[in-house]
Full PDB file with SEQRES, HELIX, SHEET, SSBOND, CRYST1, ORIGX, SCALE, CONECT and MASTER records, all heavy atoms in Angstrom:
SEQRES   1 A   39  SER ARG TRP ASP GLY GLN GLN LYS TRP ASN LEU HIS MET          
SEQRES   2 A   39  ILE ASP GLU ASP THR GLY GLU GLN ILE GLU PRO ARG LEU          
SEQRES   3 A   39  SER VAL LEU GLY ILE GLU ASP GLU ILE GLY MET VAL ARG          
CRYST1    1.000    1.000    1.000  90.00  90.00  90.00 P 1           1          
ORIGX1      1.000000  0.000000  0.000000        0.00000                         
ORIGX2      0.000000  1.000000  0.000000        0.00000                         
ORIGX3      0.000000  0.000000  1.000000        0.00000                         
SCALE1      1.000000  0.000000  0.000000        0.00000                         
SCALE2      0.000000  1.000000  0.000000        0.00000                         
SCALE3      0.000000  0.000000  1.000000        0.00000                         
ATOM      1  N   SER A   1       0.821  -1.213   0.000  1.00  0.00           N  
ATOM      2  CA  SER A   1       0.000   0.000   0.000  1.00  0.00           C  
ATOM      3  C   SER A   1       0.854   1.263   0.000  1.00  0.00           C  
ATOM      4  O   SER A   1       0.419   2.314  -0.473  1.00  0.00           O  
ATOM      5  CB  SER A   1      -0.924   0.019   1.222  1.00  0.00           C  
ATOM      6  OG  SER A   1      -1.803  -1.080   1.220  1.00  0.00           O  
ATOM      7  N   ARG A   2       2.050   1.148   0.542  1.00  0.00           N  
ATOM      8  CA  ARG A   2       2.927   2.327   0.610  1.00  0.00           C  
ATOM      9  C   ARG A   2       3.260   2.842  -0.783  1.00  0.00           C  
ATOM     10  O   ARG A   2       3.426   4.050  -0.979  1.00  0.00           O  
ATOM     11  CB  ARG A   2       4.219   1.945   1.370  1.00  0.00           C  
ATOM     12  CG  ARG A   2       5.304   3.014   1.344  1.00  0.00           C  
ATOM     13  CD  ARG A   2       4.867   4.236   2.139  1.00  0.00           C  
ATOM     14  NE  ARG A   2       5.916   5.241   2.171  1.00  0.00           N  
ATOM     15  CZ  ARG A   2       6.127   6.181   1.262  1.00  0.00           C  
ATOM     16  NH1 ARG A   2       5.331   6.225   0.196  1.00  0.00           N  
ATOM     17  NH2 ARG A   2       7.088   7.056   1.393  1.00  0.00           N  
ATOM     18  N   TRP A   3       3.333   1.948  -1.753  1.00  0.00           N  
ATOM     19  CA  TRP A   3       3.836   2.337  -3.065  1.00  0.00           C  
ATOM     20  C   TRP A   3       2.837   2.118  -4.208  1.00  0.00           C  
ATOM     21  O   TRP A   3       3.221   2.196  -5.373  1.00  0.00           O  
ATOM     22  CB  TRP A   3       5.114   1.556  -3.371  1.00  0.00           C  
ATOM     23  CG  TRP A   3       6.164   1.724  -2.332  1.00  0.00           C  
ATOM     24  CD1 TRP A   3       6.546   0.824  -1.377  1.00  0.00           C  
ATOM     25  CD2 TRP A   3       6.959   2.888  -2.089  1.00  0.00           C  
ATOM     26  NE1 TRP A   3       7.517   1.339  -0.570  1.00  0.00           N  
ATOM     27  CE2 TRP A   3       7.805   2.614  -0.984  1.00  0.00           C  
ATOM     28  CE3 TRP A   3       7.043   4.136  -2.707  1.00  0.00           C  
ATOM     29  CZ2 TRP A   3       8.709   3.536  -0.482  1.00  0.00           C  
ATOM     30  CZ3 TRP A   3       7.953   5.065  -2.212  1.00  0.00           C  
ATOM     31  CH2 TRP A   3       8.773   4.757  -1.118  1.00  0.00           C  
ATOM     32  N   ASP A   4       1.569   1.829  -3.897  1.00  0.00           N  
ATOM     33  CA  ASP A   4       0.642   1.569  -5.003  1.00  0.00           C  
ATOM     34  C   ASP A   4      -0.123   2.802  -5.460  1.00  0.00           C  
ATOM     35  O   ASP A   4      -0.928   2.735  -6.395  1.00  0.00           O  
ATOM     36  CB  ASP A   4      -0.331   0.441  -4.635  1.00  0.00           C  
ATOM     37  CG  ASP A   4      -1.290   0.815  -3.512  1.00  0.00           C  
ATOM     38  OD1 ASP A   4      -1.263   1.972  -3.050  1.00  0.00           O  
ATOM     39  OD2 ASP A   4      -2.063  -0.076  -3.077  1.00  0.00           O  
ATOM     40  N   GLY A   5       0.100   3.927  -4.798  1.00  0.00           N  
ATOM     41  CA  GLY A   5      -0.526   5.178  -5.230  1.00  0.00           C  
ATOM     42  C   GLY A   5      -2.006   5.286  -4.943  1.00  0.00           C  
ATOM     43  O   GLY A   5      -2.673   6.206  -5.428  1.00  0.00           O  
ATOM     44  N   GLN A   6      -2.560   4.382  -4.123  1.00  0.00           N  
ATOM     45  CA  GLN A   6      -3.996   4.391  -3.850  1.00  0.00           C  
ATOM     46  C   GLN A   6      -4.366   5.171  -2.585  1.00  0.00           C  
ATOM     47  O   GLN A   6      -5.530   5.205  -2.203  1.00  0.00           O  
ATOM     48  CB  GLN A   6      -4.501   2.943  -3.709  1.00  0.00           C  
ATOM     49  CG  GLN A   6      -4.265   2.086  -4.939  1.00  0.00           C  
ATOM     50  CD  GLN A   6      -4.955   2.638  -6.170  1.00  0.00           C  
ATOM     51  OE1 GLN A   6      -6.145   2.955  -6.122  1.00  0.00           O  
ATOM     52  NE2 GLN A   6      -4.209   2.764  -7.270  1.00  0.00           N  
ATOM     53  N   GLN A   7      -3.380   5.745  -1.934  1.00  0.00           N  
ATOM     54  CA  GLN A   7      -3.597   6.562  -0.726  1.00  0.00           C  
ATOM     55  C   GLN A   7      -4.290   5.753   0.388  1.00  0.00           C  
ATOM     56  O   GLN A   7      -5.159   6.252   1.087  1.00  0.00           O  
ATOM     57  CB  GLN A   7      -4.398   7.825  -1.052  1.00  0.00           C  
ATOM     58  CG  GLN A   7      -3.693   8.737  -2.039  1.00  0.00           C  
ATOM     59  CD  GLN A   7      -4.456  10.003  -2.332  1.00  0.00           C  
ATOM     60  OE1 GLN A   7      -5.627  10.126  -1.979  1.00  0.00           O  
ATOM     61  NE2 GLN A   7      -3.802  10.957  -2.963  1.00  0.00           N  
ATOM     62  N   LYS A   8      -3.862   4.525   0.519  1.00  0.00           N  
ATOM     63  CA  LYS A   8      -4.427   3.662   1.571  1.00  0.00           C  
ATOM     64  C   LYS A   8      -3.347   3.153   2.514  1.00  0.00           C  
ATOM     65  O   LYS A   8      -3.479   2.106   3.134  1.00  0.00           O  
ATOM     66  CB  LYS A   8      -5.176   2.481   0.936  1.00  0.00           C  
ATOM     67  CG  LYS A   8      -6.420   2.900   0.163  1.00  0.00           C  
ATOM     68  CD  LYS A   8      -7.142   1.701  -0.425  1.00  0.00           C  
ATOM     69  CE  LYS A   8      -8.391   2.144  -1.167  1.00  0.00           C  
ATOM     70  NZ  LYS A   8      -9.116   0.997  -1.780  1.00  0.00           N  
ATOM     71  N   TRP A   9      -2.277   3.914   2.601  1.00  0.00           N  
ATOM     72  CA  TRP A   9      -1.199   3.532   3.517  1.00  0.00           C  
ATOM     73  C   TRP A   9      -1.504   4.118   4.886  1.00  0.00           C  
ATOM     74  O   TRP A   9      -1.052   5.193   5.241  1.00  0.00           O  
ATOM     75  CB  TRP A   9       0.144   4.017   2.984  1.00  0.00           C  
ATOM     76  CG  TRP A   9       1.318   3.419   3.693  1.00  0.00           C  
ATOM     77  CD1 TRP A   9       1.544   2.097   3.939  1.00  0.00           C  
ATOM     78  CD2 TRP A   9       2.440   4.118   4.239  1.00  0.00           C  
ATOM     79  NE1 TRP A   9       2.739   1.918   4.609  1.00  0.00           N  
ATOM     80  CE2 TRP A   9       3.305   3.142   4.804  1.00  0.00           C  
ATOM     81  CE3 TRP A   9       2.806   5.457   4.311  1.00  0.00           C  
ATOM     82  CZ2 TRP A   9       4.507   3.489   5.419  1.00  0.00           C  
ATOM     83  CZ3 TRP A   9       4.000   5.790   4.927  1.00  0.00           C  
ATOM     84  CH2 TRP A   9       4.839   4.806   5.476  1.00  0.00           C  
ATOM     85  N   ASN A  10      -2.309   3.404   5.654  1.00  0.00           N  
ATOM     86  CA  ASN A  10      -2.738   3.876   6.971  1.00  0.00           C  
ATOM     87  C   ASN A  10      -3.001   2.668   7.862  1.00  0.00           C  
ATOM     88  O   ASN A  10      -2.800   1.528   7.452  1.00  0.00           O  
ATOM     89  CB  ASN A  10      -3.985   4.760   6.848  1.00  0.00           C  
ATOM     90  CG  ASN A  10      -5.115   4.060   6.113  1.00  0.00           C  
ATOM     91  OD1 ASN A  10      -5.553   2.977   6.508  1.00  0.00           O  
ATOM     92  ND2 ASN A  10      -5.602   4.667   5.023  1.00  0.00           N  
ATOM     93  N   LEU A  11      -3.432   2.938   9.071  1.00  0.00           N  
ATOM     94  CA  LEU A  11      -3.637   1.848  10.031  1.00  0.00           C  
ATOM     95  C   LEU A  11      -5.113   1.520  10.242  1.00  0.00           C  
ATOM     96  O   LEU A  11      -5.467   0.871  11.225  1.00  0.00           O  
ATOM     97  CB  LEU A  11      -2.986   2.212  11.371  1.00  0.00           C  
ATOM     98  CG  LEU A  11      -1.455   2.235  11.344  1.00  0.00           C  
ATOM     99  CD1 LEU A  11      -0.911   2.717  12.680  1.00  0.00           C  
ATOM    100  CD2 LEU A  11      -0.901   0.861  11.022  1.00  0.00           C  
ATOM    101  N   HIS A  12      -5.976   1.951   9.348  1.00  0.00           N  
ATOM    102  CA  HIS A  12      -7.392   1.589   9.451  1.00  0.00           C  
ATOM    103  C   HIS A  12      -7.543   0.098   9.142  1.00  0.00           C  
ATOM    104  O   HIS A  12      -7.028  -0.395   8.140  1.00  0.00           O  
ATOM    105  CB  HIS A  12      -8.236   2.409   8.479  1.00  0.00           C  
ATOM    106  CG  HIS A  12      -8.163   3.877   8.709  1.00  0.00           C  
ATOM    107  ND1 HIS A  12      -8.285   4.435   9.960  1.00  0.00           N  
ATOM    108  CD2 HIS A  12      -7.971   4.917   7.855  1.00  0.00           C  
ATOM    109  CE1 HIS A  12      -8.179   5.747   9.870  1.00  0.00           C  
ATOM    110  NE2 HIS A  12      -7.989   6.065   8.605  1.00  0.00           N  
ATOM    111  N   MET A  13      -8.223  -0.613  10.023  1.00  0.00           N  
ATOM    112  CA  MET A  13      -8.404  -2.046   9.839  1.00  0.00           C  
ATOM    113  C   MET A  13      -9.567  -2.287   8.885  1.00  0.00           C  
ATOM    114  O   MET A  13     -10.646  -2.752   9.260  1.00  0.00           O  
ATOM    115  CB  MET A  13      -8.630  -2.734  11.187  1.00  0.00           C  
ATOM    116  CG  MET A  13      -8.386  -4.246  11.141  1.00  0.00           C  
ATOM    117  SD  MET A  13      -6.772  -4.737  10.517  1.00  0.00           S  
ATOM    118  CE  MET A  13      -5.695  -4.155  11.829  1.00  0.00           C  
ATOM    119  N   ILE A  14      -9.317  -1.952   7.614  1.00  0.00           N  
ATOM    120  CA  ILE A  14     -10.321  -2.051   6.559  1.00  0.00           C  
ATOM    121  C   ILE A  14      -9.706  -2.788   5.374  1.00  0.00           C  
ATOM    122  O   ILE A  14      -8.552  -2.556   5.016  1.00  0.00           O  
ATOM    123  CB  ILE A  14     -10.793  -0.646   6.112  1.00  0.00           C  
ATOM    124  CG1 ILE A  14     -11.438   0.100   7.282  1.00  0.00           C  
ATOM    125  CG2 ILE A  14     -11.752  -0.728   4.932  1.00  0.00           C  
ATOM    126  CD1 ILE A  14     -11.776   1.537   6.970  1.00  0.00           C  
ATOM    127  N   ASP A  15     -10.481  -3.688   4.775  1.00  0.00           N  
ATOM    128  CA  ASP A  15     -10.005  -4.383   3.587  1.00  0.00           C  
ATOM    129  C   ASP A  15      -9.814  -3.378   2.464  1.00  0.00           C  
ATOM    130  O   ASP A  15     -10.710  -2.599   2.147  1.00  0.00           O  
ATOM    131  CB  ASP A  15     -11.006  -5.460   3.167  1.00  0.00           C  
ATOM    132  CG  ASP A  15     -10.463  -6.373   2.093  1.00  0.00           C  
ATOM    133  OD1 ASP A  15     -10.243  -5.893   0.964  1.00  0.00           O  
ATOM    134  OD2 ASP A  15     -10.242  -7.566   2.366  1.00  0.00           O  
ATOM    135  N   GLU A  16      -8.630  -3.387   1.857  1.00  0.00           N  
ATOM    136  CA  GLU A  16      -8.303  -2.350   0.878  1.00  0.00           C  
ATOM    137  C   GLU A  16      -9.145  -2.449  -0.392  1.00  0.00           C  
ATOM    138  O   GLU A  16      -9.301  -1.455  -1.106  1.00  0.00           O  
ATOM    139  CB  GLU A  16      -6.826  -2.391   0.515  1.00  0.00           C  
ATOM    140  CG  GLU A  16      -6.387  -3.603  -0.275  1.00  0.00           C  
ATOM    141  CD  GLU A  16      -5.099  -3.331  -1.038  1.00  0.00           C  
ATOM    142  OE1 GLU A  16      -4.297  -2.522  -0.575  1.00  0.00           O  
ATOM    143  OE2 GLU A  16      -4.919  -3.930  -2.116  1.00  0.00           O  
ATOM    144  N   ASP A  17      -9.686  -3.637  -0.682  1.00  0.00           N  
ATOM    145  CA  ASP A  17     -10.501  -3.797  -1.886  1.00  0.00           C  
ATOM    146  C   ASP A  17     -11.992  -3.644  -1.616  1.00  0.00           C  
ATOM    147  O   ASP A  17     -12.695  -2.902  -2.299  1.00  0.00           O  
ATOM    148  CB  ASP A  17     -10.240  -5.167  -2.520  1.00  0.00           C  
ATOM    149  CG  ASP A  17      -8.861  -5.250  -3.150  1.00  0.00           C  
ATOM    150  OD1 ASP A  17      -8.323  -4.196  -3.548  1.00  0.00           O  
ATOM    151  OD2 ASP A  17      -8.314  -6.364  -3.226  1.00  0.00           O  
ATOM    152  N   THR A  18     -12.488  -4.350  -0.602  1.00  0.00           N  
ATOM    153  CA  THR A  18     -13.928  -4.396  -0.366  1.00  0.00           C  
ATOM    154  C   THR A  18     -14.421  -3.281   0.548  1.00  0.00           C  
ATOM    155  O   THR A  18     -15.612  -2.991   0.576  1.00  0.00           O  
ATOM    156  CB  THR A  18     -14.324  -5.749   0.250  1.00  0.00           C  
ATOM    157  OG1 THR A  18     -13.750  -5.849   1.571  1.00  0.00           O  
ATOM    158  CG2 THR A  18     -13.815  -6.898  -0.613  1.00  0.00           C  
ATOM    159  N   GLY A  19     -13.525  -2.685   1.328  1.00  0.00           N  
ATOM    160  CA  GLY A  19     -13.931  -1.664   2.281  1.00  0.00           C  
ATOM    161  C   GLY A  19     -14.575  -2.225   3.538  1.00  0.00           C  
ATOM    162  O   GLY A  19     -15.059  -1.468   4.386  1.00  0.00           O  
ATOM    163  N   GLU A  20     -14.585  -3.561   3.676  1.00  0.00           N  
ATOM    164  CA  GLU A  20     -15.181  -4.190   4.854  1.00  0.00           C  
ATOM    165  C   GLU A  20     -14.284  -4.036   6.076  1.00  0.00           C  
ATOM    166  O   GLU A  20     -13.059  -4.033   5.965  1.00  0.00           O  
ATOM    167  CB  GLU A  20     -15.433  -5.671   4.585  1.00  0.00           C  
ATOM    168  CG  GLU A  20     -16.444  -5.942   3.492  1.00  0.00           C  
ATOM    169  CD  GLU A  20     -16.540  -7.431   3.167  1.00  0.00           C  
ATOM    170  OE1 GLU A  20     -15.495  -8.123   3.179  1.00  0.00           O  
ATOM    171  OE2 GLU A  20     -17.657  -7.894   2.891  1.00  0.00           O  
ATOM    172  N   GLN A  21     -14.913  -3.917   7.229  1.00  0.00           N  
ATOM    173  CA  GLN A  21     -14.165  -3.885   8.483  1.00  0.00           C  
ATOM    174  C   GLN A  21     -13.499  -5.235   8.700  1.00  0.00           C  
ATOM    175  O   GLN A  21     -14.075  -6.280   8.380  1.00  0.00           O  
ATOM    176  CB  GLN A  21     -15.093  -3.581   9.655  1.00  0.00           C  
ATOM    177  CG  GLN A  21     -15.538  -2.128   9.734  1.00  0.00           C  
ATOM    178  CD  GLN A  21     -14.396  -1.190  10.104  1.00  0.00           C  
ATOM    179  OE1 GLN A  21     -14.211  -0.166   9.471  1.00  0.00           O  
ATOM    180  NE2 GLN A  21     -13.636  -1.550  11.127  1.00  0.00           N  
ATOM    181  N   ILE A  22     -12.302  -5.209   9.249  1.00  0.00           N  
ATOM    182  CA  ILE A  22     -11.559  -6.442   9.499  1.00  0.00           C  
ATOM    183  C   ILE A  22     -11.421  -6.653  11.002  1.00  0.00           C  
ATOM    184  O   ILE A  22     -11.009  -5.753  11.730  1.00  0.00           O  
ATOM    185  CB  ILE A  22     -10.155  -6.388   8.855  1.00  0.00           C  
ATOM    186  CG1 ILE A  22     -10.262  -6.223   7.337  1.00  0.00           C  
ATOM    187  CG2 ILE A  22      -9.355  -7.639   9.212  1.00  0.00           C  
ATOM    188  CD1 ILE A  22      -8.918  -6.043   6.660  1.00  0.00           C  
ATOM    189  N   GLU A  23     -11.769  -7.839  11.442  1.00  0.00           N  
ATOM    190  CA  GLU A  23     -11.492  -8.282  12.804  1.00  0.00           C  
ATOM    191  C   GLU A  23     -10.487  -9.425  12.682  1.00  0.00           C  
ATOM    192  O   GLU A  23     -10.865 -10.591  12.543  1.00  0.00           O  
ATOM    193  CB  GLU A  23     -12.766  -8.752  13.497  1.00  0.00           C  
ATOM    194  CG  GLU A  23     -12.557  -9.259  14.933  1.00  0.00           C  
ATOM    195  CD  GLU A  23     -11.976  -8.214  15.866  1.00  0.00           C  
ATOM    196  OE1 GLU A  23     -12.369  -7.028  15.745  1.00  0.00           O  
ATOM    197  OE2 GLU A  23     -11.133  -8.571  16.711  1.00  0.00           O  
ATOM    198  N   PRO A  24      -9.184  -9.111  12.698  1.00  0.00           N  
ATOM    199  CA  PRO A  24      -8.191 -10.149  12.407  1.00  0.00           C  
ATOM    200  C   PRO A  24      -8.105 -11.206  13.494  1.00  0.00           C  
ATOM    201  O   PRO A  24      -8.270 -10.906  14.679  1.00  0.00           O  
ATOM    202  CB  PRO A  24      -6.887  -9.355  12.304  1.00  0.00           C  
ATOM    203  CG  PRO A  24      -7.119  -8.123  13.102  1.00  0.00           C  
ATOM    204  CD  PRO A  24      -8.574  -7.814  12.990  1.00  0.00           C  
ATOM    205  N   ARG A  25      -7.864 -12.422  13.073  1.00  0.00           N  
ATOM    206  CA  ARG A  25      -7.685 -13.528  14.010  1.00  0.00           C  
ATOM    207  C   ARG A  25      -6.193 -13.664  14.303  1.00  0.00           C  
ATOM    208  O   ARG A  25      -5.372 -13.721  13.381  1.00  0.00           O  
ATOM    209  CB  ARG A  25      -8.230 -14.824  13.412  1.00  0.00           C  
ATOM    210  CG  ARG A  25      -8.209 -15.997  14.375  1.00  0.00           C  
ATOM    211  CD  ARG A  25      -8.702 -17.291  13.731  1.00  0.00           C  
ATOM    212  NE  ARG A  25      -8.704 -18.386  14.700  1.00  0.00           N  
ATOM    213  CZ  ARG A  25      -9.747 -18.716  15.454  1.00  0.00           C  
ATOM    214  NH1 ARG A  25     -10.884 -18.053  15.336  1.00  0.00           N  
ATOM    215  NH2 ARG A  25      -9.658 -19.720  16.326  1.00  0.00           N  
ATOM    216  N   LEU A  26      -5.840 -13.732  15.593  1.00  0.00           N  
ATOM    217  CA  LEU A  26      -4.431 -13.812  15.969  1.00  0.00           C  
ATOM    218  C   LEU A  26      -3.844 -15.199  15.741  1.00  0.00           C  
ATOM    219  O   LEU A  26      -2.685 -15.329  15.360  1.00  0.00           O  
ATOM    220  CB  LEU A  26      -4.247 -13.437  17.449  1.00  0.00           C  
ATOM    221  CG  LEU A  26      -4.052 -11.965  17.808  1.00  0.00           C  
ATOM    222  CD1 LEU A  26      -3.711 -11.837  19.278  1.00  0.00           C  
ATOM    223  CD2 LEU A  26      -2.954 -11.337  16.963  1.00  0.00           C  
ATOM    224  N   SER A  27      -4.603 -16.226  15.991  1.00  0.00           N  
ATOM    225  CA  SER A  27      -4.068 -17.589  15.975  1.00  0.00           C  
ATOM    226  C   SER A  27      -4.986 -18.510  15.198  1.00  0.00           C  
ATOM    227  O   SER A  27      -6.197 -18.290  15.131  1.00  0.00           O  
ATOM    228  CB  SER A  27      -3.914 -18.099  17.419  1.00  0.00           C  
ATOM    229  OG  SER A  27      -3.589 -19.468  17.441  1.00  0.00           O  
ATOM    230  N   VAL A  28      -4.393 -19.559  14.627  1.00  0.00           N  
ATOM    231  CA  VAL A  28      -5.228 -20.575  13.977  1.00  0.00           C  
ATOM    232  C   VAL A  28      -5.618 -21.678  14.955  1.00  0.00           C  
ATOM    233  O   VAL A  28      -6.327 -22.614  14.583  1.00  0.00           O  
ATOM    234  CB  VAL A  28      -4.525 -21.190  12.738  1.00  0.00           C  
ATOM    235  CG1 VAL A  28      -4.216 -20.124  11.712  1.00  0.00           C  
ATOM    236  CG2 VAL A  28      -3.284 -21.956  13.129  1.00  0.00           C  
ATOM    237  N   LEU A  29      -5.161 -21.556  16.208  1.00  0.00           N  
ATOM    238  CA  LEU A  29      -5.555 -22.537  17.211  1.00  0.00           C  
ATOM    239  C   LEU A  29      -7.071 -22.450  17.413  1.00  0.00           C  
ATOM    240  O   LEU A  29      -7.621 -21.392  17.699  1.00  0.00           O  
ATOM    241  CB  LEU A  29      -4.835 -22.276  18.535  1.00  0.00           C  
ATOM    242  CG  LEU A  29      -5.028 -23.338  19.622  1.00  0.00           C  
ATOM    243  CD1 LEU A  29      -4.458 -24.683  19.175  1.00  0.00           C  
ATOM    244  CD2 LEU A  29      -4.378 -22.902  20.930  1.00  0.00           C  
ATOM    245  N   GLY A  30      -7.738 -23.561  17.266  1.00  0.00           N  
ATOM    246  CA  GLY A  30      -9.196 -23.590  17.335  1.00  0.00           C  
ATOM    247  C   GLY A  30      -9.830 -23.812  15.986  1.00  0.00           C  
ATOM    248  O   GLY A  30     -10.961 -24.307  15.897  1.00  0.00           O  
ATOM    249  N   ILE A  31      -9.094 -23.469  14.926  1.00  0.00           N  
ATOM    250  CA  ILE A  31      -9.570 -23.745  13.566  1.00  0.00           C  
ATOM    251  C   ILE A  31      -8.512 -24.515  12.789  1.00  0.00           C  
ATOM    252  O   ILE A  31      -8.572 -24.630  11.567  1.00  0.00           O  
ATOM    253  CB  ILE A  31      -9.935 -22.448  12.807  1.00  0.00           C  
ATOM    254  CG1 ILE A  31      -8.709 -21.542  12.670  1.00  0.00           C  
ATOM    255  CG2 ILE A  31     -11.071 -21.705  13.472  1.00  0.00           C  
ATOM    256  CD1 ILE A  31      -8.922 -20.364  11.713  1.00  0.00           C  
ATOM    257  N   GLU A  32      -7.518 -25.039  13.537  1.00  0.00           N  
ATOM    258  CA  GLU A  32      -6.396 -25.701  12.880  1.00  0.00           C  
ATOM    259  C   GLU A  32      -6.811 -27.031  12.260  1.00  0.00           C  
ATOM    260  O   GLU A  32      -7.795 -27.655  12.690  1.00  0.00           O  
ATOM    261  CB  GLU A  32      -5.246 -25.920  13.874  1.00  0.00           C  
ATOM    262  CG  GLU A  32      -5.412 -27.104  14.813  1.00  0.00           C  
ATOM    263  CD  GLU A  32      -6.308 -26.823  15.999  1.00  0.00           C  
ATOM    264  OE1 GLU A  32      -6.844 -25.699  16.116  1.00  0.00           O  
ATOM    265  OE2 GLU A  32      -6.488 -27.744  16.830  1.00  0.00           O  
ATOM    266  N   ASP A  33      -6.051 -27.461  11.275  1.00  0.00           N  
ATOM    267  CA  ASP A  33      -6.237 -28.791  10.690  1.00  0.00           C  
ATOM    268  C   ASP A  33      -5.336 -29.816  11.335  1.00  0.00           C  
ATOM    269  O   ASP A  33      -5.610 -31.023  11.276  1.00  0.00           O  
ATOM    270  CB  ASP A  33      -5.966 -28.738   9.179  1.00  0.00           C  
ATOM    271  CG  ASP A  33      -7.024 -27.943   8.449  1.00  0.00           C  
ATOM    272  OD1 ASP A  33      -8.219 -28.224   8.648  1.00  0.00           O  
ATOM    273  OD2 ASP A  33      -6.666 -27.024   7.689  1.00  0.00           O  
ATOM    274  N   GLU A  34      -4.260 -29.343  11.941  1.00  0.00           N  
ATOM    275  CA  GLU A  34      -3.364 -30.261  12.643  1.00  0.00           C  
ATOM    276  C   GLU A  34      -2.455 -29.466  13.576  1.00  0.00           C  
ATOM    277  O   GLU A  34      -2.317 -28.248  13.452  1.00  0.00           O  
ATOM    278  CB  GLU A  34      -2.502 -31.066  11.659  1.00  0.00           C  
ATOM    279  CG  GLU A  34      -1.520 -30.231  10.865  1.00  0.00           C  
ATOM    280  CD  GLU A  34      -0.581 -31.083  10.015  1.00  0.00           C  
ATOM    281  OE1 GLU A  34       0.407 -31.589  10.582  1.00  0.00           O  
ATOM    282  OE2 GLU A  34      -0.838 -31.226   8.799  1.00  0.00           O  
ATOM    283  N   ILE A  35      -1.877 -30.198  14.521  1.00  0.00           N  
ATOM    284  CA  ILE A  35      -0.813 -29.643  15.351  1.00  0.00           C  
ATOM    285  C   ILE A  35       0.490 -30.241  14.819  1.00  0.00           C  
ATOM    286  O   ILE A  35       0.658 -31.461  14.809  1.00  0.00           O  
ATOM    287  CB  ILE A  35      -0.978 -30.005  16.836  1.00  0.00           C  
ATOM    288  CG1 ILE A  35      -2.295 -29.446  17.378  1.00  0.00           C  
ATOM    289  CG2 ILE A  35       0.197 -29.472  17.636  1.00  0.00           C  
ATOM    290  CD1 ILE A  35      -2.387 -27.934  17.397  1.00  0.00           C  
ATOM    291  N   GLY A  36       1.367 -29.392  14.318  1.00  0.00           N  
ATOM    292  CA  GLY A  36       2.604 -29.867  13.723  1.00  0.00           C  
ATOM    293  C   GLY A  36       3.817 -29.322  14.441  1.00  0.00           C  
ATOM    294  O   GLY A  36       3.718 -28.447  15.308  1.00  0.00           O  
ATOM    295  N   MET A  37       4.966 -29.840  14.094  1.00  0.00           N  
ATOM    296  CA  MET A  37       6.222 -29.418  14.714  1.00  0.00           C  
ATOM    297  C   MET A  37       6.986 -28.525  13.749  1.00  0.00           C  
ATOM    298  O   MET A  37       7.152 -28.854  12.572  1.00  0.00           O  
ATOM    299  CB  MET A  37       7.061 -30.637  15.084  1.00  0.00           C  
ATOM    300  CG  MET A  37       8.350 -30.305  15.819  1.00  0.00           C  
ATOM    301  SD  MET A  37       9.232 -31.801  16.322  1.00  0.00           S  
ATOM    302  CE  MET A  37       8.112 -32.418  17.603  1.00  0.00           C  
ATOM    303  N   VAL A  38       7.434 -27.373  14.242  1.00  0.00           N  
ATOM    304  CA  VAL A  38       8.176 -26.424  13.416  1.00  0.00           C  
ATOM    305  C   VAL A  38       9.614 -26.345  13.904  1.00  0.00           C  
ATOM    306  O   VAL A  38       9.889 -26.395  15.100  1.00  0.00           O  
ATOM    307  CB  VAL A  38       7.512 -25.029  13.448  1.00  0.00           C  
ATOM    308  CG1 VAL A  38       7.545 -24.425  14.845  1.00  0.00           C  
ATOM    309  CG2 VAL A  38       8.171 -24.083  12.447  1.00  0.00           C  
ATOM    310  N   ARG A  39      10.541 -26.248  12.972  1.00  0.00           N  
ATOM    311  CA  ARG A  39      11.959 -26.065  13.307  1.00  0.00           C  
ATOM    312  C   ARG A  39      12.252 -24.573  13.430  1.00  0.00           C  
ATOM    313  O   ARG A  39      11.907 -23.789  12.552  1.00  0.00           O  
ATOM    314  CB  ARG A  39      12.849 -26.669  12.225  1.00  0.00           C  
ATOM    315  CG  ARG A  39      12.854 -28.189  12.190  1.00  0.00           C  
ATOM    316  CD  ARG A  39      13.999 -28.680  11.321  1.00  0.00           C  
ATOM    317  NE  ARG A  39      14.056 -30.139  11.284  1.00  0.00           N  
ATOM    318  CZ  ARG A  39      13.597 -30.872  10.285  1.00  0.00           C  
ATOM    319  NH1 ARG A  39      13.031 -30.279   9.249  1.00  0.00           N  
ATOM    320  NH2 ARG A  39      13.694 -32.184  10.311  1.00  0.00           N  
TER     321      ARG A  39                                                      
MASTER        0    0    0    0    0    0    0    6  320    1    0    3          
END                                                                             
């Protein structure tokens, strides 16, 4: 957004295309497909 010239480089939690409000999910725990091991 910083360089696309659309003047949407801000901290509003809004979808840049649809204009919908965003309530972001912090973790996939609870909707995960598996518990895996990461290096």
